[in-house]
Amino acid sequence: MKRSLIYITLAMAILSSALGAAQKSIPPSPVPLIFDTDIGNDVDDVLALGMIHALQSRGECELLAVTITKDHELAAAFTDAVNTFYGRGDIPIGVCRSGITPQAGKFIALADKKDKGGLRYPHDLKSGKEAPNAVAVLRETLVSAKDGSVVMVQVGFSTNYANLLQSKADEISGLSGMELVKKKVRLLSIMAGAFAKIPGKDGPHDHREYNIVNDIPSAQTIARSWPTLIIWSGFEIGIALPYPHQSILKDYRHAQQHPLAEAYIAFYPPPHDRPTWDLTSVLQGVRPDRGYFELSPKGRVRVADDGLTRFEEQASGKHQYLILTPEQKPRVTEVLVALCSQPRDCRADGNR
């Protein structure tokens, strides 16, 4: 009898071990991702979008939609060109017509660039005038997503996400925007604000960050009313992680023409090393458990009427911000470069 019990116990242990090994071998599901960007105002948005495609090729995320807060018709066309370059030209794109930053910028005209009579970067969406409203795209995307699954990344102004919160029930969904976000969204990873003094000629100073000051009322709405966890990547994070220009010159040669490298050069030619502000919010949103950054205590970010951001520590708060240590910088830079410059057909596991 005792021997039978020993055999049974041993068999159960072996079965338990086998089941545990099988569970560990099952890869995690891709992170459902929505990307909101002011693409065209700075080139880090372009690098961040390319990085998302690299992560999707690795099976780590699925880009559900892109919404745009730069009010220029070529911003959507250029976004579609990048998506098409990576073989995903059917990703929904939504725009807002806010009048914020309506200038063409330095690189989104690449959407119209032609070689031998054809588009250098083929795409179907020729103009933002043909694109649907961003709030409609956001509502349709969230309705179709699993409850509590979506990571929303915001690297531009808060216009679209604030408008989503304020949207009412409609033919897309009987839920308000606030109710949809509560039901469907797991995390908002946002590049906005500043949570450390920034060095300057006259010493360290407070910084009023670009994404905040271009639509302060919307930023205040997000900071005050967004119902899920928010991870903020402040100005000080991206500026501490400059993208090495040598990578732009060497690592993109796997394509005859590459929209990321060409946009970078058009925006600010090498030897300039551009800060990686927007990339950090993507990295944290998709890979939160890799130890790339430290996190602040929980609390709440408040946006003043002049655009200054302040963090107040609160045990019950739903906001945290990224902290980067000197020891983390080389590893994070290496990961950002590897993802941005990854060939579009690469499916490496990327366990860095």
Foldseek 3Di string as FASTA:
>chain_A
DVVVVVVVVVVVVVVVVVVVVVVVPDDDAAFEEEEEEQPQADLLSVLQLLLVLLCVLQRLHDHQAYEHENQEWLRQLLSLLQCVLLVRNPRAYAYANPPFNHDRHFASCLSVDDDPRHRPRDHDRPTNVPHHHLLVSVLLSLVPAQWQGHEYEYEAALVNVLVLQQAAQDPSGNHGSLVSCNTRHAEYQYEAAAEFFDQDPVGTDFDQDDNCQSPVVSVQSCLVPRDHAYEYEYPVNQVLAFAQLVLLVPLQVVDVDHSSSVRNCRNPRPPDGHGNRRNVSSCCRRPVPLPLWDKDAAFGWHADPNRHIDTDHDNPHRYIYTHHDPVNRVVVSVLSSCSSSPPSNDNDNSND
